[in-house]
Amino acid sequence: MNELFAVDELIMMAVILFSSFWIFLFNYRTDNKDKYEGNKWLIGLDLLINMGMSLTGYLLISIVFNNVPQLAPYISYRYPVGFLFGLTSNVSIPIVLKWFQQQITKKLNTIGKK
């Protein structure tokens, strides 16, 4: 647990949060302008959720690399893998949920036409 508060881990968490903020700013907000219209507080909430998902993704990878003995030879890979996993976790989850919603809508429309 102490290794989570090491200087290199804290720097990496700051990099993840900084990157997550810019991904949210340039991608997520422009795709959902209609959702935010009239609900300015929702922007802050979504930003907090996205940054939290990114940080959680990185922490998961970091904890796994530090605690699984078979990964000890690859411990130096935890930073790039954690960075990529952390940033893709906040991008891929909404994509999968949107795809799932489309599939359910398609099935319901098919059933409704019968």
Protein backbone atom coordinates (compact mmCIF):
# COMPACT_ATOMS: atom_id res chain seq x y z
CA MET A 1 0.00 0.00 0.00
CA ASN A 2 2.89 2.37 0.70
CA GLU A 3 4.07 2.08 -2.89
CA LEU A 4 0.89 3.87 -4.03
CA PHE A 5 2.14 7.04 -2.32
CA ALA A 6 5.66 6.93 -3.73
CA VAL A 7 6.74 10.02 -5.66
CA ASP A 8 6.83 8.26 -9.04
CA GLU A 9 3.30 6.89 -8.51
CA LEU A 10 1.96 10.32 -7.51
CA ILE A 11 3.57 11.89 -10.59
CA MET A 12 2.02 9.22 -12.79
CA MET A 13 -1.40 9.82 -11.20
CA ALA A 14 -1.03 13.54 -11.92
CA VAL A 15 -0.16 12.76 -15.56
CA ILE A 16 -3.23 10.52 -15.83
CA LEU A 17 -5.51 13.19 -14.37
CA PHE A 18 -4.04 15.88 -16.62
CA SER A 19 -4.45 13.71 -19.72
CA SER A 20 -7.95 12.69 -18.72
CA PHE A 21 -8.95 16.34 -18.36
CA TRP A 22 -7.81 17.14 -21.91
CA ILE A 23 -9.49 14.06 -23.37
CA PHE A 24 -12.72 15.10 -21.70
CA LEU A 25 -12.36 18.69 -22.81
CA PHE A 26 -11.78 17.96 -26.48
CA ASN A 27 -13.79 14.78 -27.08
CA TYR A 28 -16.51 14.09 -24.60
CA ARG A 29 -17.93 17.57 -24.14
CA THR A 30 -18.24 18.36 -27.85
CA ASP A 31 -20.03 15.07 -28.52
CA ASN A 32 -22.67 15.72 -25.86
CA LYS A 33 -23.42 19.45 -26.05
CA ASP A 34 -27.17 18.82 -26.12
CA LYS A 35 -26.93 16.84 -22.87
CA TYR A 36 -25.16 19.71 -21.10
CA GLU A 37 -27.45 22.45 -22.36
CA GLY A 38 -29.05 24.10 -19.32
CA ASN A 39 -27.17 21.78 -16.92
CA LYS A 40 -23.77 23.40 -16.43
CA TRP A 41 -23.19 21.47 -13.18
CA LEU A 42 -23.39 18.25 -15.19
CA ILE A 43 -20.14 19.16 -16.96
CA GLY A 44 -18.27 19.15 -13.64
CA LEU A 45 -19.89 15.89 -12.56
CA ASP A 46 -19.03 14.15 -15.82
CA LEU A 47 -15.48 15.48 -15.64
CA LEU A 48 -15.13 14.13 -12.10
CA ILE A 49 -16.50 10.73 -13.14
CA ASN A 50 -14.20 10.50 -16.18
CA MET A 51 -11.12 11.51 -14.22
CA GLY A 52 -12.08 9.02 -11.52
CA MET A 53 -12.43 6.21 -14.07
CA SER A 54 -9.01 7.04 -15.52
CA LEU A 55 -7.32 7.13 -12.14
CA THR A 56 -9.04 3.92 -11.05
CA GLY A 57 -7.88 2.17 -14.23
CA TYR A 58 -4.29 3.22 -13.61
CA LEU A 59 -4.44 2.21 -9.93
CA LEU A 60 -5.77 -1.22 -10.89
CA ILE A 61 -2.83 -1.85 -13.21
CA SER A 62 -0.32 -0.48 -10.70
CA ILE A 63 -1.65 -2.66 -7.87
CA VAL A 64 -1.66 -5.75 -10.09
CA PHE A 65 1.91 -5.18 -11.28
CA ASN A 66 3.13 -4.60 -7.71
CA ASN A 67 1.38 -7.59 -6.15
CA VAL A 68 1.45 -10.39 -8.73
CA PRO A 69 4.79 -12.21 -8.44
CA GLN A 70 4.69 -13.46 -12.05
CA LEU A 71 4.74 -9.86 -13.28
CA ALA A 72 7.88 -8.91 -11.32
CA PRO A 73 10.15 -9.13 -14.40
CA TYR A 74 7.83 -6.68 -16.19
CA ILE A 75 7.40 -4.14 -13.36
CA SER A 76 8.82 -1.33 -15.52
CA TYR A 77 5.90 -1.79 -17.95
CA ARG A 78 3.35 -0.74 -15.35
CA TYR A 79 3.62 2.94 -16.30
CA PRO A 80 2.88 2.70 -20.04
CA VAL A 81 0.32 -0.08 -19.56
CA GLY A 82 -1.31 1.80 -16.69
CA PHE A 83 -1.36 5.03 -18.70
CA LEU A 84 -3.02 3.38 -21.70
CA PHE A 85 -5.45 1.37 -19.59
CA GLY A 86 -6.34 4.40 -17.48
CA LEU A 87 -7.07 6.63 -20.44
CA THR A 88 -8.90 4.00 -22.47
CA SER A 89 -11.10 3.06 -19.52
CA ASN A 90 -12.88 6.41 -19.60
CA VAL A 91 -13.22 6.30 -23.38
CA SER A 92 -14.13 2.65 -23.93
CA ILE A 93 -16.83 2.31 -21.26
CA PRO A 94 -19.15 4.93 -22.84
CA ILE A 95 -18.52 3.43 -26.29
CA VAL A 96 -19.49 -0.05 -25.09
CA LEU A 97 -22.57 1.30 -23.30
CA LYS A 98 -23.66 3.19 -26.42
CA TRP A 99 -23.19 0.06 -28.54
CA PHE A 100 -25.18 -1.99 -26.01
CA GLN A 101 -27.97 0.60 -26.07
CA GLN A 102 -28.10 0.49 -29.87
CA GLN A 103 -28.30 -3.30 -29.87
CA ILE A 104 -31.15 -3.31 -27.35
CA THR A 105 -32.99 -0.59 -29.27
CA LYS A 106 -32.59 -2.55 -32.51
CA LYS A 107 -33.97 -5.73 -30.88
CA LEU A 108 -36.90 -3.86 -29.31
CA ASN A 109 -37.75 -2.22 -32.64
CA THR A 110 -37.66 -5.61 -34.34
CA ILE A 111 -39.94 -7.12 -31.72
CA GLY A 112 -42.26 -4.10 -31.83
CA LYS A 113 -42.78 -4.45 -35.60
CA LYS A 114 -44.04 -8.06 -35.28
